[in-house]
Amino acid sequence: MDDRLRLDLHRMMVLIRTFEGAILREYHADKKPAFDIGAGAIPGEMHLSAGQEPAAAGICAHLTAGDAVTATHRPHHFAIAHGVDLRAMTAEIFGRVGGLGRGRGGHMHLFDPATHFSCSGIIAEGCPPALGQALAFRRRGTDRIAVAVTGEGAANQGAFHESLNLAALWRLPVVFVVEDNDWGISVPRSASTCVTSNADRAAGYGMPGERVEDNSVEAVYEAAGRAVERARAGHGPSLIEVHTLRLWGHFEGDAQAYRSDLEGVPGRDPIPTYEAALRDRGLLDDDEIEQARKAASERVEDAIAFARAGAEPDPATARDHVFAP
């Protein structure tokens, strides 16, 4: 890694956190005095990725727009890191016609053909489509790859295991990424999963598996480099598990009474941790951190303004875009 890349990773994490902070603000702005999940400019559930920025930044730094990413119900960090248009993504979250899905999908159903990005509210749903994309890439004779992202809870789903098996059998160019934030909604991983690391499961399917500790963006980048290189070279899939951190609730409105670790969570925030490391290297100072935050804020607030100014879908068009022409 060179110093320019380190600064790029920092800026990406700042952009993601700034976006999630703005969505948090906008989501709660009109849900008072009593929280009503169906009220406001952004109704419905909202799953934010604050604390999980290292996984997205470190992995997507190796990808091109031609590569495919399938993400989870907590998708914004991977969408941003993979280059999904911020305005169109924000408009979709607000349910506006200028959004990626013309305002019909919302934040858990982002779909962007331009960057081959998709996500779903169904647990482990992104794994099988990633295999299809990887197979198509290989049959076309390209070196493009697919990245399938799941949570540690989804690693117990049949679709996850079936996908690992088929990817290994057909030596498909796929990188499986498991984000382990310790909690499957309100269930600790120790109560749901028989292994301490999902990376250990890779051996059962004849592929390399690696677990990245400490929510380190540089360690994620290094592990992803090995997996992406293997996939592009035609050597088949790999599995990476990133031990990351969910700073906020499973969804907005989650009281998190089940969490015993909340008191110490802010001290494990990966962004100030990485900023301290970059300061020690002489790569960052207060002015440069402020510049990164200002640049991120300008982009995000522009996207928020674009979304708010957009029109809502006309109810008369409810049956449009249901089937392909």
Protein backbone atom coordinates (compact mmCIF):
# COMPACT_ATOMS: atom_id res chain seq x y z
CA MET A 1 0.00 0.00 0.00
CA ASP A 2 1.15 3.51 -0.74
CA ASP A 3 0.25 6.69 1.11
CA ARG A 4 -2.08 7.91 -1.63
CA LEU A 5 -4.17 4.76 -1.28
CA ARG A 6 -4.30 5.17 2.50
CA LEU A 7 -5.72 8.67 2.08
CA ASP A 8 -8.21 7.42 -0.52
CA LEU A 9 -9.42 4.77 1.91
CA HIS A 10 -9.83 7.40 4.61
CA ARG A 11 -11.79 9.71 2.32
CA MET A 12 -14.07 6.88 1.28
CA MET A 13 -14.85 5.96 4.87
CA VAL A 14 -15.54 9.60 5.70
CA LEU A 15 -17.89 9.89 2.71
CA ILE A 16 -19.79 6.79 3.78
CA ARG A 17 -20.13 7.94 7.39
CA THR A 18 -21.19 11.42 6.30
CA PHE A 19 -23.88 9.92 4.08
CA GLU A 20 -25.18 7.64 6.80
CA GLY A 21 -25.23 10.51 9.28
CA ALA A 22 -27.26 12.62 6.85
CA ILE A 23 -29.73 9.80 6.20
CA LEU A 24 -30.04 9.30 9.97
CA ARG A 25 -30.90 13.00 10.32
CA GLU A 26 -33.39 13.02 7.46
CA TYR A 27 -35.01 9.75 8.51
CA HIS A 28 -35.79 10.97 12.04
CA ALA A 29 -36.58 14.59 11.14
CA ASP A 30 -40.31 14.08 10.75
CA LYS A 31 -40.94 11.06 12.97
CA LYS A 32 -41.52 13.08 16.14
CA PRO A 33 -42.77 13.50 18.84
CA ALA A 34 -43.37 9.76 18.95
CA PHE A 35 -41.36 7.51 16.65
CA ASP A 36 -43.55 6.29 13.80
CA ILE A 37 -41.76 4.02 11.35
CA GLY A 38 -44.31 4.75 8.64
CA ALA A 39 -44.13 8.53 8.86
CA GLY A 40 -42.02 11.11 7.12
CA ALA A 41 -40.12 11.64 3.91
CA ILE A 42 -38.37 8.27 4.35
CA PRO A 43 -40.95 5.81 5.66
CA GLY A 44 -40.25 2.19 6.47
CA GLU A 45 -37.24 0.46 7.97
CA MET A 46 -33.74 1.92 7.76
CA HIS A 47 -30.53 -0.07 8.29
CA LEU A 48 -27.40 2.07 8.46
CA SER A 49 -23.79 0.92 8.17
CA ALA A 50 -21.92 3.26 10.52
CA GLY A 51 -18.92 1.35 11.84
CA GLN A 52 -18.77 -1.08 8.91
CA GLU A 53 -16.99 1.28 6.50
CA PRO A 54 -13.68 -0.65 6.45
CA ALA A 55 -15.25 -3.68 4.79
CA ALA A 56 -16.68 -1.69 1.89
CA ALA A 57 -13.75 0.66 1.43
CA GLY A 58 -11.09 -2.04 1.62
CA ILE A 59 -12.79 -4.48 -0.73
CA CYS A 60 -14.19 -2.08 -3.34
CA ALA A 61 -10.80 -0.39 -3.71
CA HIS A 62 -9.85 -3.44 -5.82
CA LEU A 63 -12.95 -3.37 -8.02
CA THR A 64 -13.88 -1.70 -11.28
CA ALA A 65 -17.33 -0.57 -12.40
CA GLY A 66 -17.40 -3.71 -14.56
CA ASP A 67 -17.26 -5.96 -11.50
CA ALA A 68 -20.47 -6.92 -9.73
CA VAL A 69 -21.41 -6.45 -6.08
CA THR A 70 -24.45 -7.96 -4.39
CA ALA A 71 -25.03 -6.47 -0.94
CA THR A 72 -27.31 -6.96 2.04
CA HIS A 73 -30.26 -5.11 3.57
CA ARG A 74 -27.57 -2.78 5.04
CA PRO A 75 -26.16 -1.72 1.68
CA HIS A 76 -25.24 1.95 1.54
CA HIS A 77 -21.53 1.59 2.35
CA PHE A 78 -20.92 -0.94 -0.43
CA ALA A 79 -23.04 1.04 -2.90
CA ILE A 80 -21.04 4.20 -2.27
CA ALA A 81 -17.67 2.43 -2.32
CA HIS A 82 -18.56 0.70 -5.59
CA GLY A 83 -19.40 3.99 -7.27
CA VAL A 84 -23.21 3.99 -7.37
CA ASP A 85 -24.42 7.48 -8.26
CA LEU A 86 -25.04 9.29 -4.98
CA ARG A 87 -27.90 11.44 -6.24
CA ALA A 88 -29.84 8.56 -7.78
CA MET A 89 -29.23 6.37 -4.74
CA THR A 90 -30.46 9.06 -2.35
CA ALA A 91 -33.51 9.75 -4.48
CA GLU A 92 -34.35 6.04 -4.33
CA ILE A 93 -34.07 6.08 -0.54
CA PHE A 94 -36.51 9.01 -0.49
CA GLY A 95 -38.84 7.16 -2.90
CA ARG A 96 -38.55 9.69 -5.74
CA VAL A 97 -38.84 9.11 -9.47
CA GLY A 98 -35.24 10.20 -9.99
CA GLY A 99 -34.06 7.21 -7.98
CA LEU A 100 -32.31 4.08 -9.17
CA GLY A 101 -35.61 2.19 -9.20
CA ARG A 102 -37.82 5.20 -9.96
CA GLY A 103 -38.66 5.36 -6.27
CA ARG A 104 -40.17 1.90 -6.12
CA GLY A 105 -37.49 -0.05 -4.31
CA GLY A 106 -36.30 2.00 -1.36
CA HIS A 107 -33.08 1.62 0.54
CA MET A 108 -33.04 -2.19 0.75
CA HIS A 109 -33.61 -2.70 -2.97
CA LEU A 110 -31.00 -0.58 -4.74
CA PHE A 111 -30.25 -1.72 -8.28
CA ASP A 112 -27.71 -0.06 -10.56
CA PRO A 113 -26.89 -1.72 -13.90
CA ALA A 114 -24.20 0.92 -14.56
CA THR A 115 -22.04 -0.48 -11.75
CA HIS A 116 -23.56 -3.99 -11.54
CA PHE A 117 -24.70 -3.29 -7.98
CA SER A 118 -27.73 -4.79 -6.29
CA CYS A 119 -28.97 -5.57 -2.82
CA SER A 120 -31.94 -7.23 -1.13
CA GLY A 121 -33.83 -7.40 2.13
CA ILE A 122 -33.82 -11.21 1.90
CA ILE A 123 -31.03 -12.80 3.92
CA ALA A 124 -28.27 -14.37 1.76
CA GLU A 125 -30.28 -13.59 -1.39
CA GLY A 126 -27.30 -11.95 -3.08
CA CYS A 127 -25.16 -15.09 -3.21
CA PRO A 128 -26.89 -17.00 -6.05
CA PRO A 129 -27.14 -13.93 -8.36
CA ALA A 130 -23.43 -13.27 -7.80
CA LEU A 131 -22.71 -16.75 -9.14
CA GLY A 132 -24.78 -16.03 -12.24
CA GLN A 133 -22.90 -12.81 -12.84
CA ALA A 134 -19.55 -14.52 -12.34
CA LEU A 135 -20.51 -17.29 -14.76
CA ALA A 136 -21.55 -14.72 -17.37
CA PHE A 137 -18.28 -12.82 -16.94
CA ARG A 138 -16.25 -15.98 -17.46
CA ARG A 139 -18.23 -17.14 -20.49
CA ARG A 140 -17.62 -13.77 -22.09
CA GLY A 141 -13.89 -14.26 -21.64
CA THR A 142 -13.39 -11.33 -19.27
CA ASP A 143 -11.48 -11.05 -16.01
CA ARG A 144 -14.42 -9.40 -14.25
CA ILE A 145 -15.48 -10.80 -10.90
CA ALA A 146 -18.47 -10.79 -8.56
CA VAL A 147 -18.46 -9.97 -4.86
CA ALA A 148 -21.26 -11.39 -2.70
CA VAL A 149 -21.69 -9.70 0.68
CA THR A 150 -23.61 -11.25 3.58
CA GLY A 151 -23.79 -10.87 7.33
CA GLU A 152 -22.64 -13.48 9.83
CA GLY A 153 -26.25 -14.49 10.45
CA ALA A 154 -26.80 -15.13 6.75
CA ALA A 155 -23.84 -17.53 6.77
CA ASN A 156 -26.21 -20.06 8.34
CA GLN A 157 -28.64 -19.89 5.41
CA GLY A 158 -28.87 -22.62 2.82
CA ALA A 159 -28.38 -20.18 -0.06
CA PHE A 160 -24.99 -19.23 1.35
CA HIS A 161 -23.74 -22.82 1.55
CA GLU A 162 -25.24 -23.85 -1.78
CA SER A 163 -23.52 -20.88 -3.41
CA LEU A 164 -20.14 -21.67 -1.88
CA ASN A 165 -20.42 -25.26 -3.08
CA LEU A 166 -21.36 -24.36 -6.66
CA ALA A 167 -18.83 -21.55 -6.91
CA ALA A 168 -16.06 -23.92 -5.87
CA LEU A 169 -17.30 -26.74 -8.11
CA TRP A 170 -17.35 -24.48 -11.17
CA ARG A 171 -14.30 -22.41 -10.06
CA LEU A 172 -16.25 -19.21 -10.51
CA PRO A 173 -14.62 -15.77 -10.06
CA VAL A 174 -16.46 -14.87 -6.85
CA VAL A 175 -15.33 -13.33 -3.58
CA PHE A 176 -17.67 -14.07 -0.69
CA VAL A 177 -17.59 -11.45 2.05
CA VAL A 178 -19.11 -12.01 5.48
CA GLU A 179 -19.53 -8.92 7.64
CA ASP A 180 -19.47 -10.14 11.24
CA ASN A 181 -20.84 -7.31 13.38
CA ASP A 182 -21.51 -9.75 16.27
CA TRP A 183 -25.29 -9.39 16.15
CA GLY A 184 -27.90 -11.05 13.94
CA ILE A 185 -30.56 -8.46 14.72
CA SER A 186 -30.70 -9.11 18.50
CA VAL A 187 -29.04 -12.54 18.59
CA PRO A 188 -25.32 -12.78 19.42
CA ARG A 189 -23.35 -14.94 17.03
CA SER A 190 -22.37 -17.24 19.92
CA ALA A 191 -26.02 -18.23 20.26
CA SER A 192 -26.58 -18.94 16.58
CA THR A 193 -23.33 -20.15 15.01
CA CYS A 194 -21.34 -23.25 15.90
CA VAL A 195 -17.98 -21.97 14.63
CA THR A 196 -16.05 -18.97 15.92
CA SER A 197 -15.14 -17.88 12.41
CA ASN A 198 -17.13 -18.35 9.22
CA ALA A 199 -13.82 -18.24 7.38
CA ASP A 200 -13.24 -21.77 8.71
CA ARG A 201 -16.21 -22.95 6.65
CA ALA A 202 -14.36 -22.18 3.43
CA ALA A 203 -12.20 -25.29 3.77
CA GLY A 204 -15.30 -27.47 3.55
CA TYR A 205 -15.84 -26.14 0.04
CA GLY A 206 -12.24 -26.30 -1.11
CA MET A 207 -11.57 -22.57 -1.15
CA PRO A 208 -9.32 -20.23 0.85
CA GLY A 209 -10.89 -18.55 3.87
CA GLU A 210 -9.53 -15.62 5.83
CA ARG A 211 -10.85 -13.70 8.82
CA VAL A 212 -9.85 -10.05 9.29
CA GLU A 213 -9.86 -8.83 12.87
CA ASP A 214 -9.90 -5.34 14.41
CA ASN A 215 -12.11 -3.73 11.73
CA SER A 216 -8.93 -2.58 9.99
CA VAL A 217 -9.40 -1.10 6.53
CA GLU A 218 -5.80 -1.83 5.57
CA ALA A 219 -6.09 -5.47 6.66
CA VAL A 220 -9.32 -5.78 4.67
CA TYR A 221 -7.61 -4.27 1.65
CA GLU A 222 -4.73 -6.77 1.89
CA ALA A 223 -7.03 -9.78 2.27
CA ALA A 224 -9.27 -8.59 -0.55
CA GLY A 225 -6.25 -8.16 -2.80
CA ARG A 226 -5.40 -11.83 -2.48
CA ALA A 227 -8.98 -12.96 -3.07
CA VAL A 228 -9.58 -10.65 -6.03
CA GLU A 229 -6.30 -11.64 -7.67
CA ARG A 230 -7.20 -15.32 -7.31
CA ALA A 231 -10.64 -14.75 -8.84
CA ARG A 232 -9.35 -12.69 -11.77
CA ALA A 233 -6.69 -15.28 -12.53
CA GLY A 234 -9.32 -17.99 -12.91
CA HIS A 235 -8.41 -19.90 -9.75
CA GLY A 236 -11.89 -19.78 -8.24
CA PRO A 237 -13.64 -18.29 -5.22
CA SER A 238 -12.47 -17.18 -1.80
CA LEU A 239 -14.18 -16.29 1.47
CA ILE A 240 -13.31 -13.30 3.63
CA GLU A 241 -14.93 -12.63 6.99
CA VAL A 242 -14.46 -9.12 8.39
CA HIS A 243 -14.96 -8.70 12.11
CA THR A 244 -16.57 -5.28 12.00
CA LEU A 245 -18.76 -3.12 14.24
CA ARG A 246 -22.35 -1.99 14.14
CA LEU A 247 -22.20 1.42 15.80
CA TRP A 248 -25.97 1.98 15.65
CA GLY A 249 -29.01 -0.26 15.94
CA HIS A 250 -30.00 -3.09 13.65
CA PHE A 251 -32.58 -0.63 12.32
CA GLU A 252 -33.47 2.92 13.23
CA GLY A 253 -35.79 2.79 16.23
CA ASP A 254 -34.00 -0.25 17.65
CA ALA A 255 -33.70 0.32 21.43
CA GLN A 256 -30.79 -2.18 21.57
CA ALA A 257 -31.70 -3.33 25.08
CA TYR A 258 -30.12 -6.68 24.17
CA ARG A 259 -26.64 -5.21 23.72
CA SER A 260 -24.23 -5.48 26.61
CA ASP A 261 -21.38 -3.89 24.65
CA LEU A 262 -22.95 -0.49 23.91
CA GLU A 263 -20.95 1.46 26.48
CA GLY A 264 -17.64 0.61 24.82
CA VAL A 265 -18.80 0.86 21.21
CA PRO A 266 -17.84 4.52 20.48
CA GLY A 267 -14.24 3.82 21.46
CA ARG A 268 -13.99 1.22 18.70
CA ASP A 269 -15.12 3.56 15.92
CA PRO A 270 -12.87 2.67 12.93
CA ILE A 271 -12.64 6.19 11.49
CA PRO A 272 -10.95 8.01 14.40
CA THR A 273 -8.84 4.89 14.90
CA TYR A 274 -7.59 5.07 11.31
CA GLU A 275 -7.15 8.84 11.50
CA ALA A 276 -4.89 8.37 14.53
CA ALA A 277 -2.80 5.85 12.57
CA LEU A 278 -2.51 8.23 9.61
CA ARG A 279 -1.54 11.08 11.94
CA ASP A 280 1.26 8.90 13.32
CA ARG A 281 2.49 8.38 9.74
CA GLY A 282 2.44 12.12 9.15
CA LEU A 283 -0.24 11.78 6.47
CA LEU A 284 -3.08 13.64 8.17
CA ASP A 285 -3.56 16.70 10.31
CA ASP A 286 -6.60 18.60 11.56
CA ASP A 287 -6.88 20.71 8.42
CA GLU A 288 -6.77 17.71 6.09
CA ILE A 289 -9.38 15.85 8.16
CA GLU A 290 -11.62 18.90 8.04
CA GLN A 291 -11.15 19.17 4.27
CA ALA A 292 -12.15 15.52 3.82
CA ARG A 293 -15.26 16.03 5.95
CA LYS A 294 -16.19 19.23 4.13
CA ALA A 295 -15.83 17.64 0.69
CA ALA A 296 -17.92 14.66 1.80
CA SER A 297 -20.58 16.91 3.30
CA GLU A 298 -20.89 18.94 0.10
CA ARG A 299 -21.46 15.81 -1.98
CA VAL A 300 -23.94 14.34 0.47
CA GLU A 301 -25.96 17.51 0.99
CA ASP A 302 -26.16 17.94 -2.78
CA ALA A 303 -27.60 14.43 -3.04
CA ILE A 304 -30.08 15.10 -0.23
CA ALA A 305 -31.24 18.31 -1.91
CA PHE A 306 -31.61 16.50 -5.24
CA ALA A 307 -33.72 13.81 -3.60
CA ARG A 308 -35.95 16.19 -1.69
CA ALA A 309 -36.60 18.24 -4.83
CA GLY A 310 -37.67 15.19 -6.81
CA ALA A 311 -41.24 14.15 -7.51
CA GLU A 312 -42.91 11.16 -5.92
CA PRO A 313 -44.16 8.45 -8.29
CA ASP A 314 -47.64 9.03 -9.68
CA PRO A 315 -49.99 6.34 -8.28
CA ALA A 316 -51.36 5.95 -11.79
CA THR A 317 -48.00 4.46 -12.83
CA ALA A 318 -48.09 1.71 -10.19
CA ARG A 319 -48.29 -0.99 -12.84
CA ASP A 320 -45.48 0.46 -14.94
CA HIS A 321 -42.02 -1.14 -14.95
CA VAL A 322 -43.35 -4.36 -13.44
CA PHE A 323 -42.28 -6.49 -16.40
CA ALA A 324 -39.52 -5.93 -18.93
CA PRO A 325 -40.79 -4.79 -22.34
